[in-house]
Amino acid sequence: MEVSHIIINLVIFVLAIYVGYHVVWNVTPALHTPLMAVTNAISAIIIVGAMLAAGLTEGLAGQVAGTLAVALAAVNVFGGFLVTQRMLEMFKKKEPKAAPAAAAKAKEEMA
């Protein structure tokens, strides 16, 4: 008895979702930014694979699925970079609030 390739691919897909869910939700906050950077790199690789899938398939369903995969991976990369940028901005030192007031007072004294 032979198992259908669709069933095998579906099982792999469901297992990937399960493992991915548990990996992401068990990450400590300190590792979030490096994990996002790696995820962005993986999504960029997925975009290349999705473009190949969309371009090399002959059926309409495969082309539509590949195009959808390219679009979703591109959104994932863009969103990941935005989140990473916001996370890195949290670690920047902020200027004290007294500095702008002192600078304005110094300008008034010069005038």
PDB file of N, CA and C in Angstrom:
ATOM      1  N   MET A   1       0.844  -1.176   0.000  1.00  0.00           N
ATOM      2  CA  MET A   1       0.000   0.000   0.000  1.00  0.00           C
ATOM      3  C   MET A   1       0.892   1.242   0.000  1.00  0.00           C
ATOM      4  N   GLU A   2       0.575   2.173  -0.870  1.00  0.00           N
ATOM      5  CA  GLU A   2       1.365   3.389  -1.013  1.00  0.00           C
ATOM      6  C   GLU A   2       0.580   4.579  -0.471  1.00  0.00           C
ATOM      7  N   VAL A   3       1.271   5.416   0.304  1.00  0.00           N
ATOM      8  CA  VAL A   3       0.645   6.606   0.880  1.00  0.00           C
ATOM      9  C   VAL A   3       0.793   7.755  -0.118  1.00  0.00           C
ATOM     10  N   SER A   4      -0.258   8.513  -0.272  1.00  0.00           N
ATOM     11  CA  SER A   4      -0.266   9.627  -1.209  1.00  0.00           C
ATOM     12  C   SER A   4       0.751  10.700  -0.796  1.00  0.00           C
ATOM     13  N   HIS A   5       1.368  11.319  -1.795  1.00  0.00           N
ATOM     14  CA  HIS A   5       2.323  12.395  -1.528  1.00  0.00           C
ATOM     15  C   HIS A   5       1.640  13.595  -0.883  1.00  0.00           C
ATOM     16  N   ILE A   6       0.385  13.805  -1.189  1.00  0.00           N
ATOM     17  CA  ILE A   6      -0.359  14.922  -0.587  1.00  0.00           C
ATOM     18  C   ILE A   6      -0.496  14.712   0.919  1.00  0.00           C
ATOM     19  N   ILE A   7      -0.768  13.480   1.333  1.00  0.00           N
ATOM     20  CA  ILE A   7      -0.904  13.171   2.761  1.00  0.00           C
ATOM     21  C   ILE A   7       0.440  13.370   3.471  1.00  0.00           C
ATOM     22  N   ILE A   8       1.521  12.911   2.862  1.00  0.00           N
ATOM     23  CA  ILE A   8       2.852  13.066   3.456  1.00  0.00           C
ATOM     24  C   ILE A   8       3.196  14.549   3.595  1.00  0.00           C
ATOM     25  N   ASN A   9       2.950  15.323   2.553  1.00  0.00           N
ATOM     26  CA  ASN A   9       3.231  16.761   2.612  1.00  0.00           C
ATOM     27  C   ASN A   9       2.359  17.467   3.653  1.00  0.00           C
ATOM     28  N   LEU A  10       1.118  17.045   3.786  1.00  0.00           N
ATOM     29  CA  LEU A  10       0.224  17.633   4.784  1.00  0.00           C
ATOM     30  C   LEU A  10       0.715  17.325   6.198  1.00  0.00           C
ATOM     31  N   VAL A  11       1.174  16.109   6.438  1.00  0.00           N
ATOM     32  CA  VAL A  11       1.699  15.739   7.759  1.00  0.00           C
ATOM     33  C   VAL A  11       2.948  16.564   8.086  1.00  0.00           C
ATOM     34  N   ILE A  12       3.831  16.721   7.115  1.00  0.00           N
ATOM     35  CA  ILE A  12       5.037  17.533   7.324  1.00  0.00           C
ATOM     36  C   ILE A  12       4.656  18.978   7.621  1.00  0.00           C
ATOM     37  N   PHE A  13       3.684  19.511   6.916  1.00  0.00           N
ATOM     38  CA  PHE A  13       3.224  20.881   7.125  1.00  0.00           C
ATOM     39  C   PHE A  13       2.669  21.067   8.527  1.00  0.00           C
ATOM     40  N   VAL A  14       1.836  20.150   8.982  1.00  0.00           N
ATOM     41  CA  VAL A  14       1.241  20.248  10.316  1.00  0.00           C
ATOM     42  C   VAL A  14       2.319  20.125  11.392  1.00  0.00           C
ATOM     43  N   LEU A  15       3.271  19.219  11.215  1.00  0.00           N
ATOM     44  CA  LEU A  15       4.360  19.085  12.183  1.00  0.00           C
ATOM     45  C   LEU A  15       5.232  20.343  12.225  1.00  0.00           C
ATOM     46  N   ALA A  16       5.466  20.959  11.071  1.00  0.00           N
ATOM     47  CA  ALA A  16       6.254  22.189  11.032  1.00  0.00           C
ATOM     48  C   ALA A  16       5.548  23.310  11.781  1.00  0.00           C
ATOM     49  N   ILE A  17       4.236  23.408  11.637  1.00  0.00           N
ATOM     50  CA  ILE A  17       3.473  24.419  12.372  1.00  0.00           C
ATOM     51  C   ILE A  17       3.563  24.165  13.867  1.00  0.00           C
ATOM     52  N   TYR A  18       3.414  22.908  14.277  1.00  0.00           N
ATOM     53  CA  TYR A  18       3.458  22.552  15.701  1.00  0.00           C
ATOM     54  C   TYR A  18       4.823  22.870  16.311  1.00  0.00           C
ATOM     55  N   VAL A  19       5.892  22.451  15.657  1.00  0.00           N
ATOM     56  CA  VAL A  19       7.239  22.689  16.173  1.00  0.00           C
ATOM     57  C   VAL A  19       7.548  24.189  16.164  1.00  0.00           C
ATOM     58  N   GLY A  20       7.190  24.885  15.090  1.00  0.00           N
ATOM     59  CA  GLY A  20       7.426  26.321  15.010  1.00  0.00           C
ATOM     60  C   GLY A  20       6.714  27.083  16.110  1.00  0.00           C
ATOM     61  N   TYR A  21       5.499  26.713  16.400  1.00  0.00           N
ATOM     62  CA  TYR A  21       4.730  27.368  17.457  1.00  0.00           C
ATOM     63  C   TYR A  21       5.440  27.227  18.801  1.00  0.00           C
ATOM     64  N   HIS A  22       5.846  26.012  19.135  1.00  0.00           N
ATOM     65  CA  HIS A  22       6.488  25.783  20.424  1.00  0.00           C
ATOM     66  C   HIS A  22       7.883  26.406  20.503  1.00  0.00           C
ATOM     67  N   VAL A  23       8.592  26.468  19.414  1.00  0.00           N
ATOM     68  CA  VAL A  23       9.914  27.097  19.420  1.00  0.00           C
ATOM     69  C   VAL A  23       9.781  28.596  19.642  1.00  0.00           C
ATOM     70  N   VAL A  24       8.872  29.239  18.948  1.00  0.00           N
ATOM     71  CA  VAL A  24       8.735  30.692  19.040  1.00  0.00           C
ATOM     72  C   VAL A  24       8.192  31.115  20.402  1.00  0.00           C
ATOM     73  N   TRP A  25       7.226  30.424  20.935  1.00  0.00           N
ATOM     74  CA  TRP A  25       6.627  30.851  22.200  1.00  0.00           C
ATOM     75  C   TRP A  25       7.499  30.556  23.401  1.00  0.00           C
ATOM     76  N   ASN A  26       8.547  29.756  23.258  1.00  0.00           N
ATOM     77  CA  ASN A  26       9.439  29.471  24.379  1.00  0.00           C
ATOM     78  C   ASN A  26      10.742  30.272  24.319  1.00  0.00           C
ATOM     79  N   VAL A  27      10.802  31.294  23.497  1.00  0.00           N
ATOM     80  CA  VAL A  27      11.996  32.127  23.376  1.00  0.00           C
ATOM     81  C   VAL A  27      11.972  33.195  24.462  1.00  0.00           C
ATOM     82  N   THR A  28      13.117  33.384  25.112  1.00  0.00           N
ATOM     83  CA  THR A  28      13.209  34.436  26.129  1.00  0.00           C
ATOM     84  C   THR A  28      13.272  35.796  25.433  1.00  0.00           C
ATOM     85  N   PRO A  29      12.822  36.861  26.086  1.00  0.00           N
ATOM     86  CA  PRO A  29      12.843  38.193  25.450  1.00  0.00           C
ATOM     87  C   PRO A  29      14.239  38.647  25.014  1.00  0.00           C
ATOM     88  N   ALA A  30      15.281  38.221  25.717  1.00  0.00           N
ATOM     89  CA  ALA A  30      16.636  38.641  25.353  1.00  0.00           C
ATOM     90  C   ALA A  30      17.066  38.084  23.993  1.00  0.00           C
ATOM     91  N   LEU A  31      16.488  36.975  23.599  1.00  0.00           N
ATOM     92  CA  LEU A  31      16.856  36.360  22.324  1.00  0.00           C
ATOM     93  C   LEU A  31      15.918  36.741  21.188  1.00  0.00           C
ATOM     94  N   HIS A  32      14.949  37.602  21.463  1.00  0.00           N
ATOM     95  CA  HIS A  32      13.951  37.922  20.443  1.00  0.00           C
ATOM     96  C   HIS A  32      14.563  38.605  19.230  1.00  0.00           C
ATOM     97  N   THR A  33      15.431  39.596  19.431  1.00  0.00           N
ATOM     98  CA  THR A  33      16.008  40.337  18.307  1.00  0.00           C
ATOM     99  C   THR A  33      16.892  39.455  17.430  1.00  0.00           C
ATOM    100  N   PRO A  34      17.803  38.643  18.002  1.00  0.00           N
ATOM    101  CA  PRO A  34      18.578  37.746  17.129  1.00  0.00           C
ATOM    102  C   PRO A  34      17.698  36.734  16.404  1.00  0.00           C
ATOM    103  N   LEU A  35      16.658  36.263  17.074  1.00  0.00           N
ATOM    104  CA  LEU A  35      15.767  35.308  16.422  1.00  0.00           C
ATOM    105  C   LEU A  35      15.040  35.958  15.251  1.00  0.00           C
ATOM    106  N   MET A  36      14.628  37.225  15.417  1.00  0.00           N
ATOM    107  CA  MET A  36      13.961  37.929  14.313  1.00  0.00           C
ATOM    108  C   MET A  36      14.903  38.104  13.136  1.00  0.00           C
ATOM    109  N   ALA A  37      16.181  38.367  13.400  1.00  0.00           N
ATOM    110  CA  ALA A  37      17.145  38.526  12.313  1.00  0.00           C
ATOM    111  C   ALA A  37      17.301  37.219  11.540  1.00  0.00           C
ATOM    112  N   VAL A  38      17.368  36.109  12.256  1.00  0.00           N
ATOM    113  CA  VAL A  38      17.482  34.806  11.594  1.00  0.00           C
ATOM    114  C   VAL A  38      16.201  34.493  10.829  1.00  0.00           C
ATOM    115  N   THR A  39      15.064  34.824  11.415  1.00  0.00           N
ATOM    116  CA  THR A  39      13.786  34.581  10.747  1.00  0.00           C
ATOM    117  C   THR A  39      13.688  35.384   9.456  1.00  0.00           C
ATOM    118  N   ASN A  40      14.185  36.617   9.464  1.00  0.00           N
ATOM    119  CA  ASN A  40      14.180  37.423   8.247  1.00  0.00           C
ATOM    120  C   ASN A  40      15.046  36.789   7.172  1.00  0.00           C
ATOM    121  N   ALA A  41      16.190  36.247   7.564  1.00  0.00           N
ATOM    122  CA  ALA A  41      17.061  35.580   6.592  1.00  0.00           C
ATOM    123  C   ALA A  41      16.386  34.342   6.012  1.00  0.00           C
ATOM    124  N   ILE A  42      15.712  33.579   6.860  1.00  0.00           N
ATOM    125  CA  ILE A  42      15.004  32.389   6.381  1.00  0.00           C
ATOM    126  C   ILE A  42      13.867  32.796   5.443  1.00  0.00           C
ATOM    127  N   SER A  43      13.161  33.858   5.782  1.00  0.00           N
ATOM    128  CA  SER A  43      12.068  34.321   4.922  1.00  0.00           C
ATOM    129  C   SER A  43      12.590  34.787   3.567  1.00  0.00           C
ATOM    130  N   ALA A  44      13.786  35.373   3.558  1.00  0.00           N
ATOM    131  CA  ALA A  44      14.376  35.771   2.283  1.00  0.00           C
ATOM    132  C   ALA A  44      14.681  34.547   1.421  1.00  0.00           C
ATOM    133  N   ILE A  45      15.128  33.477   2.039  1.00  0.00           N
ATOM    134  CA  ILE A  45      15.367  32.230   1.311  1.00  0.00           C
ATOM    135  C   ILE A  45      14.039  31.651   0.810  1.00  0.00           C
ATOM    136  N   ILE A  46      13.007  31.774   1.631  1.00  0.00           N
ATOM    137  CA  ILE A  46      11.685  31.290   1.232  1.00  0.00           C
ATOM    138  C   ILE A  46      11.178  32.057   0.016  1.00  0.00           C
ATOM    139  N   ILE A  47      11.465  33.355  -0.038  1.00  0.00           N
ATOM    140  CA  ILE A  47      11.044  34.156  -1.199  1.00  0.00           C
ATOM    141  C   ILE A  47      11.679  33.606  -2.474  1.00  0.00           C
ATOM    142  N   VAL A  48      12.967  33.270  -2.401  1.00  0.00           N
ATOM    143  CA  VAL A  48      13.646  32.720  -3.582  1.00  0.00           C
ATOM    144  C   VAL A  48      13.005  31.394  -3.987  1.00  0.00           C
ATOM    145  N   GLY A  49      12.757  30.530  -3.023  1.00  0.00           N
ATOM    146  CA  GLY A  49      12.107  29.248  -3.323  1.00  0.00           C
ATOM    147  C   GLY A  49      10.705  29.426  -3.869  1.00  0.00           C
ATOM    148  N   ALA A  50       9.963  30.367  -3.327  1.00  0.00           N
ATOM    149  CA  ALA A  50       8.599  30.615  -3.795  1.00  0.00           C
ATOM    150  C   ALA A  50       8.605  31.163  -5.221  1.00  0.00           C
ATOM    151  N   MET A  51       9.597  32.022  -5.534  1.00  0.00           N
ATOM    152  CA  MET A  51       9.691  32.526  -6.908  1.00  0.00           C
ATOM    153  C   MET A  51      10.005  31.393  -7.879  1.00  0.00           C
ATOM    154  N   LEU A  52      10.877  30.485  -7.458  1.00  0.00           N
ATOM    155  CA  LEU A  52      11.171  29.321  -8.303  1.00  0.00           C
ATOM    156  C   LEU A  52       9.924  28.449  -8.473  1.00  0.00           C
ATOM    157  N   ALA A  53       9.200  28.249  -7.380  1.00  0.00           N
ATOM    158  CA  ALA A  53       7.980  27.436  -7.456  1.00  0.00           C
ATOM    159  C   ALA A  53       6.943  28.088  -8.359  1.00  0.00           C
ATOM    160  N   ALA A  54       6.805  29.407  -8.250  1.00  0.00           N
ATOM    161  CA  ALA A  54       5.814  30.103  -9.072  1.00  0.00           C
ATOM    162  C   ALA A  54       6.218  30.110 -10.543  1.00  0.00           C
ATOM    163  N   GLY A  55       7.510  30.214 -10.802  1.00  0.00           N
ATOM    164  CA  GLY A  55       7.964  30.321 -12.188  1.00  0.00           C
ATOM    165  C   GLY A  55       8.116  29.000 -12.905  1.00  0.00           C
ATOM    166  N   LEU A  56       8.423  27.938 -12.171  1.00  0.00           N
ATOM    167  CA  LEU A  56       8.715  26.663 -12.822  1.00  0.00           C
ATOM    168  C   LEU A  56       7.517  25.725 -12.927  1.00  0.00           C
ATOM    169  N   THR A  57       6.438  26.021 -12.227  1.00  0.00           N
ATOM    170  CA  THR A  57       5.271  25.134 -12.312  1.00  0.00           C
ATOM    171  C   THR A  57       4.474  25.449 -13.568  1.00  0.00           C
ATOM    172  N   GLU A  58       3.820  24.430 -14.076  1.00  0.00           N
ATOM    173  CA  GLU A  58       3.038  24.603 -15.295  1.00  0.00           C
ATOM    174  C   GLU A  58       1.556  24.819 -15.007  1.00  0.00           C
ATOM    175  N   GLY A  59       1.098  24.338 -13.869  1.00  0.00           N
ATOM    176  CA  GLY A  59      -0.317  24.474 -13.542  1.00  0.00           C
ATOM    177  C   GLY A  59      -0.633  25.821 -12.926  1.00  0.00           C
ATOM    178  N   LEU A  60      -1.861  26.253 -13.109  1.00  0.00           N
ATOM    179  CA  LEU A  60      -2.304  27.538 -12.572  1.00  0.00           C
ATOM    180  C   LEU A  60      -2.304  27.528 -11.041  1.00  0.00           C
ATOM    181  N   ALA A  61      -2.703  26.401 -10.448  1.00  0.00           N
ATOM    182  CA  ALA A  61      -2.756  26.329  -8.984  1.00  0.00           C
ATOM    183  C   ALA A  61      -1.370  26.505  -8.373  1.00  0.00           C
ATOM    184  N   GLY A  62      -0.356  25.900  -8.966  1.00  0.00           N
ATOM    185  CA  GLY A  62       1.009  26.039  -8.467  1.00  0.00           C
ATOM    186  C   GLY A  62       1.534  27.449  -8.618  1.00  0.00           C
ATOM    187  N   GLN A  63       1.197  28.091  -9.736  1.00  0.00           N
ATOM    188  CA  GLN A  63       1.633  29.469  -9.949  1.00  0.00           C
ATOM    189  C   GLN A  63       0.966  30.420  -8.961  1.00  0.00           C
ATOM    190  N   VAL A  64      -0.317  30.203  -8.705  1.00  0.00           N
ATOM    191  CA  VAL A  64      -1.037  31.042  -7.744  1.00  0.00           C
ATOM    192  C   VAL A  64      -0.474  30.825  -6.338  1.00  0.00           C
ATOM    193  N   ALA A  65      -0.236  29.554  -5.962  1.00  0.00           N
ATOM    194  CA  ALA A  65       0.309  29.253  -4.632  1.00  0.00           C
ATOM    195  C   ALA A  65       1.711  29.842  -4.483  1.00  0.00           C
ATOM    196  N   GLY A  66       2.529  29.753  -5.526  1.00  0.00           N
ATOM    197  CA  GLY A  66       3.874  30.324  -5.476  1.00  0.00           C
ATOM    198  C   GLY A  66       3.849  31.832  -5.365  1.00  0.00           C
ATOM    199  N   THR A  67       2.959  32.469  -6.105  1.00  0.00           N
ATOM    200  CA  THR A  67       2.830  33.931  -6.031  1.00  0.00           C
ATOM    201  C   THR A  67       2.340  34.364  -4.651  1.00  0.00           C
ATOM    202  N   LEU A  68       1.391  33.636  -4.104  1.00  0.00           N
ATOM    203  CA  LEU A  68       0.898  33.923  -2.759  1.00  0.00           C
ATOM    204  C   LEU A  68       2.020  33.733  -1.729  1.00  0.00           C
ATOM    205  N   ALA A  69       2.828  32.697  -1.912  1.00  0.00           N
ATOM    206  CA  ALA A  69       3.957  32.461  -0.998  1.00  0.00           C
ATOM    207  C   ALA A  69       4.966  33.597  -1.071  1.00  0.00           C
ATOM    208  N   VAL A  70       5.235  34.109  -2.256  1.00  0.00           N
ATOM    209  CA  VAL A  70       6.155  35.248  -2.405  1.00  0.00           C
ATOM    210  C   VAL A  70       5.595  36.458  -1.671  1.00  0.00           C
ATOM    211  N   ALA A  71       4.313  36.735  -1.847  1.00  0.00           N
ATOM    212  CA  ALA A  71       3.698  37.903  -1.209  1.00  0.00           C
ATOM    213  C   ALA A  71       3.719  37.776   0.318  1.00  0.00           C
ATOM    214  N   LEU A  72       3.353  36.618   0.839  1.00  0.00           N
ATOM    215  CA  LEU A  72       3.322  36.432   2.295  1.00  0.00           C
ATOM    216  C   LEU A  72       4.721  36.477   2.895  1.00  0.00           C
ATOM    217  N   ALA A  73       5.698  35.892   2.226  1.00  0.00           N
ATOM    218  CA  ALA A  73       7.073  35.932   2.731  1.00  0.00           C
ATOM    219  C   ALA A  73       7.621  37.357   2.696  1.00  0.00           C
ATOM    220  N   ALA A  74       7.255  38.123   1.666  1.00  0.00           N
ATOM    221  CA  ALA A  74       7.713  39.516   1.587  1.00  0.00           C
ATOM    222  C   ALA A  74       7.117  40.336   2.730  1.00  0.00           C
ATOM    223  N   VAL A  75       5.858  40.124   3.041  1.00  0.00           N
ATOM    224  CA  VAL A  75       5.233  40.812   4.174  1.00  0.00           C
ATOM    225  C   VAL A  75       5.936  40.410   5.470  1.00  0.00           C
ATOM    226  N   ASN A  76       6.279  39.139   5.599  1.00  0.00           N
ATOM    227  CA  ASN A  76       6.960  38.643   6.785  1.00  0.00           C
ATOM    228  C   ASN A  76       8.336  39.290   6.942  1.00  0.00           C
ATOM    229  N   VAL A  77       9.084  39.408   5.859  1.00  0.00           N
ATOM    230  CA  VAL A  77      10.404  40.041   5.916  1.00  0.00           C
ATOM    231  C   VAL A  77      10.265  41.510   6.301  1.00  0.00           C
ATOM    232  N   PHE A  78       9.362  42.222   5.661  1.00  0.00           N
ATOM    233  CA  PHE A  78       9.169  43.644   5.936  1.00  0.00           C
ATOM    234  C   PHE A  78       8.751  43.863   7.392  1.00  0.00           C
ATOM    235  N   GLY A  79       7.780  43.100   7.843  1.00  0.00           N
ATOM    236  CA  GLY A  79       7.322  43.218   9.228  1.00  0.00           C
ATOM    237  C   GLY A  79       8.403  42.835  10.220  1.00  0.00           C
ATOM    238  N   GLY A  80       9.191  41.824   9.877  1.00  0.00           N
ATOM    239  CA  GLY A  80      10.273  41.404  10.764  1.00  0.00           C
ATOM    240  C   GLY A  80      11.326  42.480  10.925  1.00  0.00           C
ATOM    241  N   PHE A  81      11.657  43.168   9.831  1.00  0.00           N
ATOM    242  CA  PHE A  81      12.621  44.250   9.932  1.00  0.00           C
ATOM    243  C   PHE A  81      12.068  45.421  10.741  1.00  0.00           C
ATOM    244  N   LEU A  82      10.788  45.698  10.606  1.00  0.00           N
ATOM    245  CA  LEU A  82      10.189  46.766  11.418  1.00  0.00           C
ATOM    246  C   LEU A  82      10.235  46.426  12.902  1.00  0.00           C
ATOM    247  N   VAL A  83       9.899  45.189  13.235  1.00  0.00           N
ATOM    248  CA  VAL A  83       9.921  44.772  14.636  1.00  0.00           C
ATOM    249  C   VAL A  83      11.343  44.802  15.175  1.00  0.00           C
ATOM    250  N   THR A  84      12.299  44.329  14.390  1.00  0.00           N
ATOM    251  CA  THR A  84      13.693  44.339  14.822  1.00  0.00           C
ATOM    252  C   THR A  84      14.177  45.768  15.049  1.00  0.00           C
ATOM    253  N   GLN A  85      13.816  46.673  14.160  1.00  0.00           N
ATOM    254  CA  GLN A  85      14.210  48.074  14.307  1.00  0.00           C
ATOM    255  C   GLN A  85      13.631  48.668  15.585  1.00  0.00           C
ATOM    256  N   ARG A  86      12.383  48.377  15.865  1.00  0.00           N
ATOM    257  CA  ARG A  86      11.763  48.893  17.084  1.00  0.00           C
ATOM    258  C   ARG A  86      12.403  48.305  18.336  1.00  0.00           C
ATOM    259  N   MET A  87      12.761  47.018  18.269  1.00  0.00           N
ATOM    260  CA  MET A  87      13.421  46.386  19.416  1.00  0.00           C
ATOM    261  C   MET A  87      14.794  47.020  19.661  1.00  0.00           C
ATOM    262  N   LEU A  88      15.547  47.275  18.586  1.00  0.00           N
ATOM    263  CA  LEU A  88      16.874  47.871  18.746  1.00  0.00           C
ATOM    264  C   LEU A  88      16.792  49.310  19.245  1.00  0.00           C
ATOM    265  N   GLU A  89      15.742  50.039  18.881  1.00  0.00           N
ATOM    266  CA  GLU A  89      15.564  51.406  19.369  1.00  0.00           C
ATOM    267  C   GLU A  89      15.314  51.442  20.870  1.00  0.00           C
ATOM    268  N   MET A  90      14.785  50.358  21.422  1.00  0.00           N
ATOM    269  CA  MET A  90      14.548  50.300  22.862  1.00  0.00           C
ATOM    270  C   MET A  90      15.864  50.298  23.644  1.00  0.00           C
ATOM    271  N   PHE A  91      16.960  49.846  23.012  1.00  0.00           N
ATOM    272  CA  PHE A  91      18.239  49.750  23.709  1.00  0.00           C
ATOM    273  C   PHE A  91      19.094  51.007  23.546  1.00  0.00           C
ATOM    274  N   LYS A  92      18.663  51.967  22.734  1.00  0.00           N
ATOM    275  CA  LYS A  92      19.421  53.201  22.564  1.00  0.00           C
ATOM    276  C   LYS A  92      19.258  54.083  23.794  1.00  0.00           C
ATOM    277  N   LYS A  93      20.328  54.815  24.110  1.00  0.00           N
ATOM    278  CA  LYS A  93      20.253  55.737  25.235  1.00  0.00           C
ATOM    279  C   LYS A  93      19.468  56.965  24.812  1.00  0.00           C
ATOM    280  N   LYS A  94      18.576  57.382  25.687  1.00  0.00           N
ATOM    281  CA  LYS A  94      17.760  58.554  25.398  1.00  0.00           C
ATOM    282  C   LYS A  94      18.414  59.783  26.001  1.00  0.00           C
ATOM    283  N   GLU A  95      18.269  60.916  25.299  1.00  0.00           N
ATOM    284  CA  GLU A  95      18.813  62.172  25.810  1.00  0.00           C
ATOM    285  C   GLU A  95      17.964  62.648  26.978  1.00  0.00           C
ATOM    286  N   PRO A  96      18.603  63.265  27.953  1.00  0.00           N
ATOM    287  CA  PRO A  96      17.813  63.787  29.071  1.00  0.00           C
ATOM    288  C   PRO A  96      16.884  64.906  28.601  1.00  0.00           C
ATOM    289  N   LYS A  97      15.755  65.023  29.261  1.00  0.00           N
ATOM    290  CA  LYS A  97      14.764  66.023  28.846  1.00  0.00           C
ATOM    291  C   LYS A  97      15.229  67.442  29.157  1.00  0.00           C
ATOM    292  N   ALA A  98      16.154  67.618  30.067  1.00  0.00           N
ATOM    293  CA  ALA A  98      16.628  68.950  30.438  1.00  0.00           C
ATOM    294  C   ALA A  98      17.515  69.554  29.341  1.00  0.00           C
ATOM    295  N   ALA A  99      18.108  68.735  28.511  1.00  0.00           N
ATOM    296  CA  ALA A  99      19.025  69.229  27.488  1.00  0.00           C
ATOM    297  C   ALA A  99      18.342  70.164  26.490  1.00  0.00           C
ATOM    298  N   PRO A 100      17.169  69.863  25.955  1.00  0.00           N
ATOM    299  CA  PRO A 100      16.540  70.804  25.012  1.00  0.00           C
ATOM    300  C   PRO A 100      16.196  72.153  25.664  1.00  0.00           C
ATOM    301  N   ALA A 101      15.793  72.132  26.909  1.00  0.00           N
ATOM    302  CA  ALA A 101      15.469  73.387  27.589  1.00  0.00           C
ATOM    303  C   ALA A 101      16.720  74.218  27.809  1.00  0.00           C
ATOM    304  N   ALA A 102      17.827  73.574  28.155  1.00  0.00           N
ATOM    305  CA  ALA A 102      19.093  74.280  28.353  1.00  0.00           C
ATOM    306  C   ALA A 102      19.593  74.850  27.031  1.00  0.00           C
ATOM    307  N   ALA A 103      19.406  74.132  25.944  1.00  0.00           N
ATOM    308  CA  ALA A 103      19.844  74.612  24.632  1.00  0.00           C
ATOM    309  C   ALA A 103      19.010  75.830  24.220  1.00  0.00           C
ATOM    310  N   ALA A 104      17.733  75.818  24.489  1.00  0.00           N
ATOM    311  CA  ALA A 104      16.880  76.963  24.147  1.00  0.00           C
ATOM    312  C   ALA A 104      17.274  78.177  24.975  1.00  0.00           C
ATOM    313  N   LYS A 105      17.609  77.960  26.248  1.00  0.00           N
ATOM    314  CA  LYS A 105      18.017  79.071  27.120  1.00  0.00           C
ATOM    315  C   LYS A 105      19.351  79.651  26.636  1.00  0.00           C
ATOM    316  N   ALA A 106      20.262  78.806  26.199  1.00  0.00           N
ATOM    317  CA  ALA A 106      21.550  79.262  25.687  1.00  0.00           C
ATOM    318  C   ALA A 106      21.364  80.079  24.416  1.00  0.00           C
ATOM    319  N   LYS A 107      20.416  79.706  23.556  1.00  0.00           N
ATOM    320  CA  LYS A 107      20.131  80.462  22.341  1.00  0.00           C
ATOM    321  C   LYS A 107      19.605  81.846  22.667  1.00  0.00           C
ATOM    322  N   GLU A 108      18.742  81.929  23.694  1.00  0.00           N
ATOM    323  CA  GLU A 108      18.178  83.213  24.098  1.00  0.00           C
ATOM    324  C   GLU A 108      19.267  84.148  24.632  1.00  0.00           C
ATOM    325  N   GLU A 109      20.215  83.586  25.373  1.00  0.00           N
ATOM    326  CA  GLU A 109      21.277  84.397  25.942  1.00  0.00           C
ATOM    327  C   GLU A 109      22.208  84.935  24.858  1.00  0.00           C
ATOM    328  N   MET A 110      22.388  84.171  23.762  1.00  0.00           N
ATOM    329  CA  MET A 110      23.250  84.582  22.678  1.00  0.00           C
ATOM    330  C   MET A 110      22.623  85.691  21.853  1.00  0.00           C
ATOM    331  N   ALA A 111      21.312  85.728  21.827  1.00  0.00           N
ATOM    332  CA  ALA A 111      20.628  86.700  20.967  1.00  0.00           C
ATOM    333  C   ALA A 111      20.539  88.067  21.567  1.00  0.00           C
TER     334      ALA A 111
END
